[in-house]
């Protein structure tokens, strides 16, 4: 599924902007898959009894480096998504349903790690007040926002 551009913005959205938004969405979800893959490799390497201590240490060092690069990429993508939202290029629904809820789902499945918490904290810090303002006119949207924020805090 691709990002749905808010109706009021449709007249102003160029093919370049649509491509940019769809690329951003693909990256957001690919990073999640990459994170699971790296975490799986870390666990396998830690449990692999056939590796020498030095080999295990070297492989884990490389995997942690890859994880660090992924974290930087995730935070960069979150920054970009925040800016798109602040420029009204994507809707509050996209931020809420695809970004925040996706990151909170990790928490509910016990897969939430420090990187996801940091992404959520950054997202709420930068766009939280605008999201709350956008939701204030609609009771259902307001409840969804408040529920998400409460889940994040717990």
C-alpha atoms as a PDB file:
ATOM      1  CA  UNK A   1       0.000   0.000   0.000  1.00  0.00           C
ATOM      2  CA  UNK A   2       1.194   3.474  -0.725  1.00  0.00           C
ATOM      3  CA  UNK A   3       0.881   6.703   1.203  1.00  0.00           C
ATOM      4  CA  UNK A   4      -2.430   8.443   0.716  1.00  0.00           C
ATOM      5  CA  UNK A   5      -1.908  12.141   0.199  1.00  0.00           C
ATOM      6  CA  UNK A   6      -4.478  14.344   1.941  1.00  0.00           C
ATOM      7  CA  UNK A   7      -7.276  15.377  -0.456  1.00  0.00           C
ATOM      8  CA  UNK A   8      -6.736  19.092   0.049  1.00  0.00           C
ATOM      9  CA  UNK A   9      -3.092  18.674  -0.936  1.00  0.00           C
ATOM     10  CA  UNK A  10      -3.707  16.504  -4.018  1.00  0.00           C
ATOM     11  CA  UNK A  11      -3.857  19.436  -6.403  1.00  0.00           C
ATOM     12  CA  UNK A  12      -0.392  20.569  -5.319  1.00  0.00           C
ATOM     13  CA  UNK A  13       1.403  17.211  -5.245  1.00  0.00           C
ATOM     14  CA  UNK A  14       3.788  16.579  -8.090  1.00  0.00           C
ATOM     15  CA  UNK A  15       4.826  13.134  -9.340  1.00  0.00           C
ATOM     16  CA  UNK A  16       8.192  13.790  -7.694  1.00  0.00           C
ATOM     17  CA  UNK A  17       6.524  14.389  -4.327  1.00  0.00           C
ATOM     18  CA  UNK A  18       4.440  11.220  -4.641  1.00  0.00           C
ATOM     19  CA  UNK A  19       7.561   9.223  -5.482  1.00  0.00           C
ATOM     20  CA  UNK A  20       9.400  10.796  -2.553  1.00  0.00           C
ATOM     21  CA  UNK A  21       6.584   9.970  -0.131  1.00  0.00           C
ATOM     22  CA  UNK A  22       6.313   6.373  -1.335  1.00  0.00           C
ATOM     23  CA  UNK A  23      10.082   5.915  -1.094  1.00  0.00           C
ATOM     24  CA  UNK A  24       9.997   7.236   2.449  1.00  0.00           C
ATOM     25  CA  UNK A  25       7.274   4.738   3.367  1.00  0.00           C
ATOM     26  CA  UNK A  26       9.201   1.827   1.835  1.00  0.00           C
ATOM     27  CA  UNK A  27      12.336   2.804   3.755  1.00  0.00           C
ATOM     28  CA  UNK A  28      10.424   3.052   7.037  1.00  0.00           C
ATOM     29  CA  UNK A  29       9.118  -0.499   6.720  1.00  0.00           C
ATOM     30  CA  UNK A  30      12.345  -1.911   5.270  1.00  0.00           C
ATOM     31  CA  UNK A  31      14.283  -0.578   8.250  1.00  0.00           C
ATOM     32  CA  UNK A  32      11.949  -2.517  10.529  1.00  0.00           C
ATOM     33  CA  UNK A  33      12.692  -5.728   8.597  1.00  0.00           C
ATOM     34  CA  UNK A  34      16.437  -5.005   8.592  1.00  0.00           C
ATOM     35  CA  UNK A  35      16.323  -4.472  12.344  1.00  0.00           C
ATOM     36  CA  UNK A  36      14.735  -7.895  12.899  1.00  0.00           C
ATOM     37  CA  UNK A  37      17.308  -9.507  10.601  1.00  0.00           C
ATOM     38  CA  UNK A  38      20.276  -7.956  12.417  1.00  0.00           C
ATOM     39  CA  UNK A  39      18.815  -8.825  15.831  1.00  0.00           C
ATOM     40  CA  UNK A  40      18.389 -12.434  14.664  1.00  0.00           C
ATOM     41  CA  UNK A  41      21.992 -12.590  13.461  1.00  0.00           C
ATOM     42  CA  UNK A  42      23.219 -11.163  16.765  1.00  0.00           C
ATOM     43  CA  UNK A  43      21.321 -13.819  18.695  1.00  0.00           C
ATOM     44  CA  UNK A  44      22.600 -16.607  16.400  1.00  0.00           C
ATOM     45  CA  UNK A  45      26.182 -15.393  16.736  1.00  0.00           C
ATOM     46  CA  UNK A  46      25.926 -15.195  20.516  1.00  0.00           C
ATOM     47  CA  UNK A  47      24.602 -18.772  20.687  1.00  0.00           C
ATOM     48  CA  UNK A  48      26.897 -20.315  18.048  1.00  0.00           C
ATOM     49  CA  UNK A  49      29.138 -22.760  19.926  1.00  0.00           C
ATOM     50  CA  UNK A  50      31.294 -23.452  16.850  1.00  0.00           C
ATOM     51  CA  UNK A  51      32.817 -19.949  16.857  1.00  0.00           C
ATOM     52  CA  UNK A  52      36.016 -19.111  18.651  1.00  0.00           C
ATOM     53  CA  UNK A  53      35.772 -16.278  21.160  1.00  0.00           C
ATOM     54  CA  UNK A  54      37.708 -13.956  18.849  1.00  0.00           C
ATOM     55  CA  UNK A  55      35.556 -14.832  15.814  1.00  0.00           C
ATOM     56  CA  UNK A  56      32.373 -14.321  17.860  1.00  0.00           C
ATOM     57  CA  UNK A  57      33.687 -10.991  19.141  1.00  0.00           C
ATOM     58  CA  UNK A  58      34.583  -9.853  15.595  1.00  0.00           C
ATOM     59  CA  UNK A  59      31.220 -10.888  14.136  1.00  0.00           C
ATOM     60  CA  UNK A  60      29.275  -9.259  16.976  1.00  0.00           C
ATOM     61  CA  UNK A  61      31.314  -6.076  16.580  1.00  0.00           C
ATOM     62  CA  UNK A  62      30.366  -5.954  12.886  1.00  0.00           C
ATOM     63  CA  UNK A  63      26.704  -6.642  13.643  1.00  0.00           C
ATOM     64  CA  UNK A  64      26.588  -3.918  16.303  1.00  0.00           C
ATOM     65  CA  UNK A  65      28.179  -1.546  13.800  1.00  0.00           C
ATOM     66  CA  UNK A  66      25.469  -2.431  11.251  1.00  0.00           C
ATOM     67  CA  UNK A  67      22.852  -1.866  13.968  1.00  0.00           C
ATOM     68  CA  UNK A  68      24.350   1.539  14.740  1.00  0.00           C
ATOM     69  CA  UNK A  69      24.201   2.507  11.054  1.00  0.00           C
ATOM     70  CA  UNK A  70      20.595   1.332  10.878  1.00  0.00           C
ATOM     71  CA  UNK A  71      19.719   3.431  13.939  1.00  0.00           C
ATOM     72  CA  UNK A  72      21.143   6.547  12.285  1.00  0.00           C
ATOM     73  CA  UNK A  73      19.159   5.764   9.158  1.00  0.00           C
ATOM     74  CA  UNK A  74      15.961   5.199  11.166  1.00  0.00           C
ATOM     75  CA  UNK A  75      16.351   8.502  13.005  1.00  0.00           C
ATOM     76  CA  UNK A  76      17.074  10.280   9.718  1.00  0.00           C
ATOM     77  CA  UNK A  77      13.932   8.824   8.195  1.00  0.00           C
ATOM     78  CA  UNK A  78      11.908   9.857  11.252  1.00  0.00           C
ATOM     79  CA  UNK A  79      13.303  13.401  10.894  1.00  0.00           C
ATOM     80  CA  UNK A  80      12.247  13.422   7.270  1.00  0.00           C
ATOM     81  CA  UNK A  81       8.753  12.124   8.071  1.00  0.00           C
ATOM     82  CA  UNK A  82       8.380  14.800  10.751  1.00  0.00           C
ATOM     83  CA  UNK A  83       9.303  17.514   8.287  1.00  0.00           C
ATOM     84  CA  UNK A  84       6.880  16.166   5.673  1.00  0.00           C
ATOM     85  CA  UNK A  85       4.122  16.270   8.286  1.00  0.00           C
ATOM     86  CA  UNK A  86       5.055  19.763   9.444  1.00  0.00           C
ATOM     87  CA  UNK A  87       4.894  20.907   5.792  1.00  0.00           C
ATOM     88  CA  UNK A  88       1.437  19.294   5.492  1.00  0.00           C
ATOM     89  CA  UNK A  89       2.665  16.885   2.821  1.00  0.00           C
ATOM     90  CA  UNK A  90       1.395  13.883   4.784  1.00  0.00           C
ATOM     91  CA  UNK A  91      -1.627  13.640   7.027  1.00  0.00           C
ATOM     92  CA  UNK A  92      -1.914  13.112  10.753  1.00  0.00           C
ATOM     93  CA  UNK A  93      -3.494   9.744   9.956  1.00  0.00           C
ATOM     94  CA  UNK A  94      -0.279   8.570   8.277  1.00  0.00           C
ATOM     95  CA  UNK A  95       1.831   9.671  11.233  1.00  0.00           C
ATOM     96  CA  UNK A  96      -0.595   8.072  13.684  1.00  0.00           C
ATOM     97  CA  UNK A  97      -1.539   4.847  11.910  1.00  0.00           C
ATOM     98  CA  UNK A  98       1.637   3.972  10.021  1.00  0.00           C
ATOM     99  CA  UNK A  99       4.443   5.457  12.087  1.00  0.00           C
ATOM    100  CA  UNK A 100       3.426   5.737  15.727  1.00  0.00           C
ATOM    101  CA  UNK A 101       1.240   2.634  15.817  1.00  0.00           C
ATOM    102  CA  UNK A 102       3.888   0.613  13.977  1.00  0.00           C
ATOM    103  CA  UNK A 103       6.536   1.639  16.510  1.00  0.00           C
ATOM    104  CA  UNK A 104       4.170   1.038  19.454  1.00  0.00           C
ATOM    105  CA  UNK A 105       3.295  -2.430  18.090  1.00  0.00           C
ATOM    106  CA  UNK A 106       6.936  -3.346  18.664  1.00  0.00           C
ATOM    107  CA  UNK A 107       6.444  -2.457  22.310  1.00  0.00           C
ATOM    108  CA  UNK A 108       3.364  -4.669  22.576  1.00  0.00           C
ATOM    109  CA  UNK A 109       5.181  -7.622  21.012  1.00  0.00           C
ATOM    110  CA  UNK A 110       8.149  -7.128  23.342  1.00  0.00           C
ATOM    111  CA  UNK A 111      10.305  -6.237  20.342  1.00  0.00           C
ATOM    112  CA  UNK A 112      10.560  -2.576  21.299  1.00  0.00           C
ATOM    113  CA  UNK A 113      14.175  -1.682  21.754  1.00  0.00           C
ATOM    114  CA  UNK A 114      15.984   1.512  22.637  1.00  0.00           C
ATOM    115  CA  UNK A 115      16.042   2.573  18.971  1.00  0.00           C
ATOM    116  CA  UNK A 116      12.261   2.340  18.644  1.00  0.00           C
ATOM    117  CA  UNK A 117      11.755   4.186  21.929  1.00  0.00           C
ATOM    118  CA  UNK A 118      14.091   6.905  20.696  1.00  0.00           C
ATOM    119  CA  UNK A 119      12.190   7.162  17.391  1.00  0.00           C
ATOM    120  CA  UNK A 120       8.861   7.386  19.231  1.00  0.00           C
ATOM    121  CA  UNK A 121      10.202   9.990  21.651  1.00  0.00           C
ATOM    122  CA  UNK A 122      11.550  12.060  18.780  1.00  0.00           C
ATOM    123  CA  UNK A 123       8.320  11.757  16.845  1.00  0.00           C
ATOM    124  CA  UNK A 124       6.165  12.808  19.809  1.00  0.00           C
ATOM    125  CA  UNK A 125       8.562  15.646  20.680  1.00  0.00           C
ATOM    126  CA  UNK A 126       8.653  17.147  17.194  1.00  0.00           C
ATOM    127  CA  UNK A 127       5.102  16.567  15.930  1.00  0.00           C
ATOM    128  CA  UNK A 128       3.157  15.736  19.089  1.00  0.00           C
ATOM    129  CA  UNK A 129       1.688  19.177  19.661  1.00  0.00           C
ATOM    130  CA  UNK A 130       0.659  19.531  15.995  1.00  0.00           C
ATOM    131  CA  UNK A 131      -0.826  16.018  16.057  1.00  0.00           C
ATOM    132  CA  UNK A 132      -2.707  16.832  19.231  1.00  0.00           C
ATOM    133  CA  UNK A 133      -3.948  20.084  17.694  1.00  0.00           C
ATOM    134  CA  UNK A 134      -5.059  18.330  14.503  1.00  0.00           C
ATOM    135  CA  UNK A 135      -6.901  15.739  16.585  1.00  0.00           C
ATOM    136  CA  UNK A 136      -8.558  18.218  18.962  1.00  0.00           C
ATOM    137  CA  UNK A 137     -11.468  18.889  16.599  1.00  0.00           C
ATOM    138  CA  UNK A 138     -12.471  15.229  16.312  1.00  0.00           C
ATOM    139  CA  UNK A 139     -13.197  13.179  19.440  1.00  0.00           C
ATOM    140  CA  UNK A 140     -12.232   9.865  17.794  1.00  0.00           C
ATOM    141  CA  UNK A 141      -8.880  11.234  16.533  1.00  0.00           C
ATOM    142  CA  UNK A 142      -8.233  12.809  19.908  1.00  0.00           C
ATOM    143  CA  UNK A 143      -8.859   9.481  21.665  1.00  0.00           C
ATOM    144  CA  UNK A 144      -6.547   7.630  19.244  1.00  0.00           C
ATOM    145  CA  UNK A 145      -3.804  10.189  19.881  1.00  0.00           C
ATOM    146  CA  UNK A 146      -4.251  10.078  23.652  1.00  0.00           C
ATOM    147  CA  UNK A 147      -4.273   6.254  23.644  1.00  0.00           C
ATOM    148  CA  UNK A 148      -1.073   6.153  21.592  1.00  0.00           C
ATOM    149  CA  UNK A 149       0.666   8.627  23.856  1.00  0.00           C
ATOM    150  CA  UNK A 150      -0.449   6.727  26.962  1.00  0.00           C
ATOM    151  CA  UNK A 151       0.861   3.450  25.486  1.00  0.00           C
ATOM    152  CA  UNK A 152       4.162   5.118  24.698  1.00  0.00           C
ATOM    153  CA  UNK A 153       4.520   6.435  28.239  1.00  0.00           C
ATOM    154  CA  UNK A 154       3.701   3.078  29.857  1.00  0.00           C
END
